[in-house]
N, C-alpha and C. Protein backbone atom coordinates (compact mmCIF):
# COMPACT_ATOMS: atom_id res chain seq x y z
N MET A 1 95.94 71.41 79.34
CA MET A 1 96.24 72.80 80.00
C MET A 1 95.50 74.07 79.44
N SER A 2 95.12 74.71 80.11
CA SER A 2 94.93 76.98 79.75
C SER A 2 95.67 77.63 79.33
N GLU A 3 95.58 78.12 78.46
CA GLU A 3 96.14 79.44 77.82
C GLU A 3 96.37 80.75 78.94
N TYR A 4 97.18 81.31 79.27
CA TYR A 4 97.74 82.71 79.88
C TYR A 4 97.31 83.13 79.11
N ILE A 5 96.74 84.80 79.99
CA ILE A 5 96.48 85.96 79.49
C ILE A 5 97.08 86.66 80.00
N PRO A 6 98.32 87.60 79.87
CA PRO A 6 98.36 88.19 80.43
C PRO A 6 97.52 89.63 80.46
N SER A 7 97.94 90.59 81.98
CA SER A 7 97.27 91.46 82.73
C SER A 7 97.46 92.74 81.66
N PRO A 8 95.84 92.98 81.21
CA PRO A 8 95.82 94.32 80.07
C PRO A 8 96.87 95.27 80.87
N PHE A 9 97.08 95.43 81.95
CA PHE A 9 97.84 96.81 82.57
C PHE A 9 99.34 96.47 82.63
N ALA A 10 99.81 97.00 81.35
CA ALA A 10 100.93 96.73 81.12
C ALA A 10 102.57 96.42 81.92
N TRP A 11 102.48 97.46 83.28
CA TRP A 11 103.11 97.46 84.45
C TRP A 11 103.36 95.72 85.23
N VAL A 12 101.66 95.46 85.14
CA VAL A 12 101.53 94.45 85.70
C VAL A 12 102.27 92.90 85.00
N ALA A 13 101.81 92.99 83.47
CA ALA A 13 102.04 92.06 82.83
C ALA A 13 103.77 91.98 82.51
N GLU A 14 104.59 93.05 82.37
CA GLU A 14 105.91 93.25 82.84
C GLU A 14 106.46 92.92 84.00
N GLN A 15 105.78 93.04 85.28
CA GLN A 15 106.69 92.84 86.23
C GLN A 15 106.29 91.09 86.20
N VAL A 16 105.13 90.76 85.40
CA VAL A 16 104.92 89.25 85.54
C VAL A 16 105.91 88.40 84.81
N GLU A 17 106.51 89.26 83.53
CA GLU A 17 107.38 88.25 83.02
C GLU A 17 108.67 88.44 83.40
N LEU A 18 109.30 89.67 83.77
CA LEU A 18 110.31 89.74 84.11
C LEU A 18 110.30 88.74 85.71
N TYR A 19 109.73 88.62 86.32
CA TYR A 19 109.51 87.73 87.68
C TYR A 19 109.99 86.40 87.42
N GLU A 20 109.21 85.54 86.60
CA GLU A 20 108.56 84.51 85.89
C GLU A 20 109.76 84.13 84.57
N GLY A 21 110.48 84.86 84.03
CA GLY A 21 111.77 84.40 83.10
C GLY A 21 112.68 84.45 83.71
N SER A 22 112.45 85.91 84.87
CA SER A 22 114.29 85.26 85.70
C SER A 22 113.91 84.01 86.59
N LEU A 23 113.19 83.15 86.68
CA LEU A 23 112.85 82.12 87.67
C LEU A 23 112.95 82.97 89.11
N GLY A 24 112.17 84.06 89.24
CA GLY A 24 111.99 84.15 90.30
C GLY A 24 113.45 85.11 91.14
N THR A 25 114.37 85.48 90.18
CA THR A 25 115.15 86.31 90.88
C THR A 25 115.17 87.86 90.70
N GLU A 26 114.38 88.73 89.45
CA GLU A 26 114.14 89.75 89.13
C GLU A 26 112.98 90.09 89.59
N GLY A 27 112.67 91.16 89.34
CA GLY A 27 111.11 91.67 89.36
C GLY A 27 110.50 91.51 90.41
N LEU A 28 111.20 91.76 91.54
CA LEU A 28 110.59 90.83 93.41
C LEU A 28 110.20 92.05 94.37
N THR A 29 110.06 93.13 93.23
CA THR A 29 109.65 94.17 94.23
C THR A 29 108.48 95.06 93.30
N LEU A 30 107.93 95.79 93.64
CA LEU A 30 106.63 96.00 93.30
C LEU A 30 107.11 97.86 93.26
N LYS A 31 107.02 97.70 91.78
CA LYS A 31 107.66 99.32 90.95
C LYS A 31 109.01 99.86 91.52
N ASP A 32 108.53 101.30 92.46
CA ASP A 32 109.67 101.77 92.95
C ASP A 32 109.58 101.49 94.74
N THR A 33 108.93 100.80 94.90
CA THR A 33 108.74 100.48 96.77
C THR A 33 109.86 100.08 97.13
N GLY A 34 110.26 99.05 96.59
CA GLY A 34 111.07 97.74 97.28
C GLY A 34 111.18 97.43 97.90
N LEU A 35 109.48 97.25 98.15
CA LEU A 35 108.75 95.86 98.86
C LEU A 35 108.72 94.75 97.86
N PRO A 36 108.59 93.77 98.69
CA PRO A 36 108.84 92.32 98.25
C PRO A 36 107.12 91.42 97.42
N VAL A 37 107.35 91.57 96.62
CA VAL A 37 106.24 91.49 95.95
C VAL A 37 105.83 89.09 95.30
N ILE A 38 104.71 88.82 95.52
CA ILE A 38 104.60 86.98 94.61
C ILE A 38 104.24 87.47 93.89
N ILE A 39 103.96 85.80 92.82
CA ILE A 39 103.18 86.07 92.06
C ILE A 39 101.86 85.11 92.02
N VAL A 40 100.63 85.28 92.20
CA VAL A 40 100.04 84.69 92.51
C VAL A 40 98.91 84.26 90.82
N THR A 41 99.15 82.66 90.74
CA THR A 41 98.63 82.03 89.46
C THR A 41 97.27 81.76 89.78
N HIS A 42 96.34 81.97 88.84
CA HIS A 42 94.67 81.20 88.85
C HIS A 42 94.00 81.85 87.92
N ARG A 43 92.50 81.13 88.27
CA ARG A 43 92.41 80.84 86.85
C ARG A 43 90.66 82.02 86.70
N GLY A 44 91.31 82.39 85.53
CA GLY A 44 89.83 83.57 85.15
C GLY A 44 88.91 82.85 84.90
N ARG A 45 87.98 83.61 85.62
CA ARG A 45 86.69 82.77 86.23
C ARG A 45 85.46 83.04 84.90
N LYS A 46 85.87 83.66 83.81
CA LYS A 46 84.91 83.97 82.95
C LYS A 46 85.53 83.61 81.39
N THR A 47 86.93 83.42 81.33
CA THR A 47 87.61 82.67 80.25
C THR A 47 87.88 81.41 80.93
N GLY A 48 88.22 81.71 81.91
CA GLY A 48 89.50 79.91 82.03
C GLY A 48 90.80 80.22 81.88
N ALA A 49 91.20 80.79 81.38
CA ALA A 49 92.57 81.31 81.27
C ALA A 49 93.13 80.86 82.46
N ILE A 50 94.61 81.13 82.06
CA ILE A 50 95.39 81.30 83.46
C ILE A 50 95.71 82.78 83.87
N ARG A 51 95.50 83.32 85.00
CA ARG A 51 96.00 84.66 85.21
C ARG A 51 97.40 84.84 86.15
N LYS A 52 97.77 85.77 86.17
CA LYS A 52 99.02 86.23 86.98
C LYS A 52 99.07 87.48 87.21
N THR A 53 98.97 87.62 88.59
CA THR A 53 98.64 88.52 89.38
C THR A 53 99.69 89.05 90.51
N PRO A 54 100.85 90.18 90.57
CA PRO A 54 102.12 90.40 91.96
C PRO A 54 100.98 90.89 92.35
N LEU A 55 101.15 90.38 94.05
CA LEU A 55 101.24 90.81 95.35
C LEU A 55 102.25 91.38 96.13
N MET A 56 101.53 92.33 97.05
CA MET A 56 102.54 92.34 98.07
C MET A 56 102.74 90.59 98.74
N ARG A 57 103.97 90.44 99.05
CA ARG A 57 104.39 89.62 99.89
C ARG A 57 104.06 89.84 101.62
N VAL A 58 102.77 89.02 101.71
CA VAL A 58 102.81 89.60 103.20
C VAL A 58 102.41 88.12 103.93
N VAL A 59 103.54 87.36 104.79
CA VAL A 59 102.97 86.29 105.55
C VAL A 59 102.82 86.35 106.78
N ASP A 60 102.22 84.69 107.42
CA ASP A 60 101.86 84.39 108.03
C ASP A 60 102.11 83.08 108.88
N GLY A 61 103.04 82.80 108.73
CA GLY A 61 104.07 81.96 109.09
C GLY A 61 103.84 81.11 108.45
N SER A 62 103.31 79.62 108.05
CA SER A 62 103.54 79.01 106.14
C SER A 62 102.63 79.76 105.30
N SER A 63 101.88 80.54 105.68
CA SER A 63 100.33 80.96 105.31
C SER A 63 101.28 82.64 104.12
N TYR A 64 100.77 82.69 102.98
CA TYR A 64 100.34 84.07 102.38
C TYR A 64 99.14 84.68 103.13
N ILE A 65 98.85 85.91 103.45
CA ILE A 65 97.95 87.04 103.23
C ILE A 65 98.15 87.51 101.87
N LEU A 66 96.73 87.42 101.12
CA LEU A 66 96.58 87.97 99.78
C LEU A 66 95.64 89.29 100.36
N VAL A 67 95.70 90.83 100.06
CA VAL A 67 94.46 91.84 100.27
C VAL A 67 94.05 92.18 98.96
N ALA A 68 92.97 92.16 99.12
CA ALA A 68 92.61 92.32 97.67
C ALA A 68 91.82 94.34 97.80
N SER A 69 92.85 94.97 97.70
CA SER A 69 92.67 96.39 98.15
C SER A 69 92.97 97.54 96.98
N MET A 70 92.74 96.95 95.48
CA MET A 70 93.63 98.19 94.25
C MET A 70 92.82 98.89 94.48
N GLY A 71 94.04 99.59 95.71
CA GLY A 71 94.95 100.84 95.45
C GLY A 71 93.09 101.72 96.52
N GLY A 72 92.10 100.76 97.02
CA GLY A 72 91.77 101.69 97.67
C GLY A 72 90.03 102.15 96.76
N ALA A 73 90.20 101.62 95.72
CA ALA A 73 89.33 101.70 94.49
C ALA A 73 88.14 100.63 95.42
N PRO A 74 86.44 101.75 94.80
CA PRO A 74 85.56 101.40 95.48
C PRO A 74 85.16 99.65 94.88
N VAL A 75 85.35 99.61 93.76
CA VAL A 75 85.09 97.87 93.35
C VAL A 75 86.36 96.83 93.91
N HIS A 76 86.37 95.83 94.07
CA HIS A 76 87.09 94.76 94.50
C HIS A 76 87.75 94.46 92.68
N PRO A 77 89.11 93.53 93.17
CA PRO A 77 89.91 93.74 92.06
C PRO A 77 89.24 92.51 91.13
N VAL A 78 89.23 92.60 89.72
CA VAL A 78 89.33 90.95 89.17
C VAL A 78 89.68 90.04 89.99
N TRP A 79 90.88 89.80 90.52
CA TRP A 79 91.50 88.26 90.91
C TRP A 79 91.03 87.85 91.74
N TYR A 80 90.48 89.37 93.26
CA TYR A 80 89.01 88.74 93.68
C TYR A 80 87.64 87.37 93.45
N HIS A 81 87.44 87.85 92.36
CA HIS A 81 86.23 87.33 91.88
C HIS A 81 86.73 85.67 91.62
N ASN A 82 88.27 85.92 90.55
CA ASN A 82 88.83 84.80 90.49
C ASN A 82 88.74 83.91 91.47
N LEU A 83 89.53 84.40 92.52
CA LEU A 83 89.74 83.10 93.70
C LEU A 83 88.65 82.94 94.19
N LYS A 84 87.49 83.86 94.57
CA LYS A 84 86.23 83.62 94.94
C LYS A 84 85.40 82.11 94.00
N ALA A 85 86.08 82.16 92.13
CA ALA A 85 85.21 81.23 92.52
C ALA A 85 86.01 79.57 92.05
N GLU A 86 87.20 79.63 92.08
CA GLU A 86 88.29 78.89 91.89
C GLU A 86 89.43 79.37 93.19
N PRO A 87 89.81 78.75 94.17
CA PRO A 87 90.27 78.89 95.28
C PRO A 87 91.99 78.10 94.66
N ASP A 88 91.74 77.24 93.98
CA ASP A 88 92.81 76.74 94.00
C ASP A 88 94.03 77.66 93.29
N VAL A 89 95.49 77.71 93.49
CA VAL A 89 96.19 78.77 93.55
C VAL A 89 97.43 78.06 93.19
N GLU A 90 98.40 79.04 92.47
CA GLU A 90 100.35 78.66 92.53
C GLU A 90 100.69 80.42 93.27
N ILE A 91 101.25 80.27 93.51
CA ILE A 91 102.22 81.25 94.97
C ILE A 91 103.87 81.30 94.42
N ARG A 92 103.91 81.72 93.39
CA ARG A 92 105.96 81.93 93.19
C ARG A 92 106.00 83.63 94.48
N ASP A 93 107.10 82.15 95.50
CA ASP A 93 107.66 83.17 95.57
C ASP A 93 109.14 83.39 95.49
N ARG A 94 109.69 84.55 95.19
CA ARG A 94 110.95 84.43 94.58
C ARG A 94 111.12 83.04 94.08
N THR A 95 112.24 82.47 93.66
CA THR A 95 112.52 80.77 93.58
C THR A 95 111.65 79.49 93.81
N GLU A 96 110.60 80.23 94.88
CA GLU A 96 109.71 78.82 95.45
C GLU A 96 108.74 78.77 94.77
N ILE A 97 107.91 77.76 94.58
CA ILE A 97 106.68 77.78 93.78
C ILE A 97 106.02 76.47 94.84
N TYR A 98 104.38 76.80 95.14
CA TYR A 98 103.42 76.37 95.95
C TYR A 98 102.57 76.36 95.58
N SER A 99 102.00 75.38 95.67
CA SER A 99 100.10 75.46 95.13
C SER A 99 99.36 75.47 96.51
N MET A 100 98.44 76.18 96.78
CA MET A 100 98.22 76.43 98.06
C MET A 100 96.39 76.76 97.40
N ARG A 101 95.62 76.48 98.72
CA ARG A 101 94.06 76.75 98.85
C ARG A 101 93.85 78.05 99.30
N VAL A 102 92.93 78.93 99.22
CA VAL A 102 92.81 80.49 99.53
C VAL A 102 91.36 80.30 100.28
N ARG A 103 90.96 81.06 101.17
CA ARG A 103 89.87 81.10 101.84
C ARG A 103 89.73 82.77 101.83
N GLU A 104 88.91 83.27 101.60
CA GLU A 104 88.30 84.48 102.22
C GLU A 104 88.55 84.73 103.68
N VAL A 105 88.96 85.26 104.44
CA VAL A 105 88.73 85.10 105.73
C VAL A 105 87.35 86.17 105.96
N SER A 106 87.11 85.48 106.94
CA SER A 106 85.18 86.24 107.33
C SER A 106 85.33 86.20 108.70
N ASP A 107 86.02 85.41 109.86
CA ASP A 107 86.21 85.63 110.72
C ASP A 107 86.91 86.63 111.42
N PRO A 108 85.79 87.71 112.22
CA PRO A 108 86.25 89.36 112.28
C PRO A 108 87.74 89.27 113.03
N ALA A 109 87.55 88.58 114.10
CA ALA A 109 88.99 88.72 114.99
C ALA A 109 90.32 88.19 114.16
N GLU A 110 89.60 86.69 112.85
CA GLU A 110 91.38 86.22 112.37
C GLU A 110 91.23 86.93 111.64
N LYS A 111 90.70 88.60 110.93
CA LYS A 111 90.75 89.25 109.55
C LYS A 111 91.43 90.37 110.39
N GLN A 112 90.96 90.58 111.29
CA GLN A 112 92.05 91.94 112.00
C GLN A 112 93.53 91.49 112.44
N ARG A 113 93.32 90.32 112.82
CA ARG A 113 95.28 89.98 113.11
C ARG A 113 95.80 90.21 111.82
N LEU A 114 94.94 89.67 110.73
CA LEU A 114 95.86 89.29 109.23
C LEU A 114 96.16 90.67 108.68
N TRP A 115 94.77 92.26 109.22
CA TRP A 115 95.29 92.63 108.77
C TRP A 115 96.14 93.65 109.26
N LYS A 116 96.64 93.48 110.42
CA LYS A 116 97.55 94.34 111.18
C LYS A 116 98.35 93.86 110.83
N ILE A 117 98.91 92.43 110.36
CA ILE A 117 100.17 91.79 109.81
C ILE A 117 100.21 92.32 108.26
N ALA A 118 99.08 93.09 107.26
CA ALA A 118 99.48 92.72 106.17
C ALA A 118 99.83 94.41 105.88
N VAL A 119 99.50 95.58 107.41
CA VAL A 119 98.88 97.18 107.23
C VAL A 119 100.73 96.72 108.06
N ALA A 120 101.48 96.22 108.16
CA ALA A 120 102.43 95.92 109.01
C ALA A 120 103.32 96.18 107.27
N ALA A 121 103.43 95.32 107.03
CA ALA A 121 103.71 94.75 105.77
C ALA A 121 104.05 95.96 104.65
N TYR A 122 102.80 96.41 104.26
CA TYR A 122 102.10 97.73 103.52
C TYR A 122 101.53 98.79 103.91
N PRO A 123 101.98 99.17 104.60
CA PRO A 123 100.99 101.04 105.09
C PRO A 123 100.26 101.32 104.34
N PRO A 124 100.44 101.75 103.36
CA PRO A 124 99.63 102.25 102.42
C PRO A 124 98.43 101.81 102.93
N TYR A 125 98.22 99.81 103.31
CA TYR A 125 96.49 99.37 102.70
C TYR A 125 96.00 100.09 103.83
N GLN A 126 96.46 100.50 104.98
CA GLN A 126 94.93 101.61 105.61
C GLN A 126 94.95 102.50 105.07
N GLU A 127 95.63 103.36 104.52
CA GLU A 127 95.49 104.23 103.78
C GLU A 127 93.63 103.95 102.65
N TYR A 128 95.03 102.94 102.10
CA TYR A 128 93.63 101.67 101.05
C TYR A 128 92.41 102.22 101.57
N GLN A 129 91.58 101.57 102.95
CA GLN A 129 91.01 101.04 103.28
C GLN A 129 90.07 102.35 103.84
N ASP A 130 90.26 103.51 103.93
CA ASP A 130 90.50 105.10 104.81
C ASP A 130 89.64 105.48 103.67
N ARG A 131 90.40 105.50 102.37
CA ARG A 131 89.38 106.00 101.06
C ARG A 131 88.48 105.04 100.25
N THR A 132 87.77 104.04 101.11
CA THR A 132 86.77 103.71 100.58
C THR A 132 85.75 103.27 101.10
N ASP A 133 84.86 102.89 100.94
CA ASP A 133 83.83 102.22 101.43
C ASP A 133 83.59 101.01 101.44
N ARG A 134 83.86 100.42 100.85
CA ARG A 134 84.08 98.81 101.09
C ARG A 134 85.48 98.33 101.85
N ALA A 135 84.61 97.34 102.14
CA ALA A 135 85.56 96.34 102.98
C ALA A 135 86.47 96.04 102.51
N ILE A 136 88.12 96.22 102.90
CA ILE A 136 88.74 95.41 102.00
C ILE A 136 88.66 93.71 101.78
N PRO A 137 89.19 93.25 101.44
CA PRO A 137 89.16 91.87 101.52
C PRO A 137 90.39 91.53 101.72
N VAL A 138 89.90 89.80 102.87
CA VAL A 138 91.89 89.16 103.01
C VAL A 138 91.02 88.06 102.82
N PHE A 139 92.41 87.52 101.69
CA PHE A 139 92.36 86.24 102.03
C PHE A 139 93.43 85.38 102.59
N ILE A 140 93.87 84.35 102.77
CA ILE A 140 95.19 83.30 103.22
C ILE A 140 94.66 82.19 102.38
N ALA A 141 96.52 81.93 101.66
CA ALA A 141 96.53 81.37 101.12
C ALA A 141 97.04 80.04 102.19
N GLU A 142 97.01 78.65 102.37
CA GLU A 142 97.77 77.61 102.92
C GLU A 142 97.39 76.39 102.02
């Protein structure tokens, strides 16, 4: 079993601790937005350690859409690279935990369809895309 290393971002580490410490009954929304989040547990590609990342809760049927926006930054978030290296993840959605496999969506039509669902769930995603030159990656967890 690998060691869990909390995020270096205090608010991320605190949210994960509250969400998981309450077994999915508290810390269920992103900071002050009131919008729901999930916790994605993945493996660090360099350290091999367990990492946990709160992401917007965006669903498509029984699948989850994971958007690597990083607020429109010019680079992908670290978790993007972790998921590319190790696609097996665990998703905590409130009190439920699912073992899932992710894949980056490369088909343009599929990505556009999923992007529309993601933006409807969290409108700032479009602002993030508009402010960066990189194409924001989208994963589907199935």
